[in-house]
Every structure is written in structure tokens, then in C-alpha cells.
């Protein structure tokens, strides 16, 4: 089955654009600005928390919770990338570079 990621990609683009705008906002008025004001440590901690919550929802077999927690995870991932100064295109380039290799082969090369 072929799955289209157009809708997800567009949603991530809009979300990333919103994060970029809120990056310079007053932390009192924006959760995103609060996270970024907390530096890399806060952004990384929140990303980790959302990853754990996503795993728990998956293990529990709660599909709706997996979707909701995945949305939270992706938001916090984009905030983390912003905090780290890593553009999403850098992640895309890494994925593209791995497309022609098996996961086992790629992991062994590290």
C-alpha cells in the first residue's frame, strides 16, 4: 500500500513556520517561546518526555493516543531542531543519503 505524506508534510511545514515566528516571541505569551528560552536542555527534555508518552500509548494499543502523542512528539522535535539550529532540510539530506542502503548496512558503517 502506498501512503502519501503530502498532508503530513504540509502540516509539518506550517508548524515549523509557526515555530520560527514564535521563536522571538515573549515567553509569557507563547509556549514555543518558553521552550526555546529554556535552551537546548529544556527542549531536549520535553522531546524525550513526548517520545516516552508515544511509546506508552503504542504499547497500550491506543491508536488515538498514538496519533495524539505523535503530534506532540513531532512538534517537540521541530522545537528541538530549532533550538539546535538544525534546519529540517539537514534531516532530509541525511535521510536521502541513506535511501540506497539497507538499515543494517547503514548502521554497520557508523
Foldseek 3Di string as FASTA:
>chain_A
DDDDCVVVVVVLVVLLVVLVVCCPPDVVVDVSVVQLVVALVSLVVQLVVLVVQLVVCVVVVPPVSNVVSVVSNSSSVSSNCVRVVHDVVVVVVVVVVCVVDDPVVVVVVD
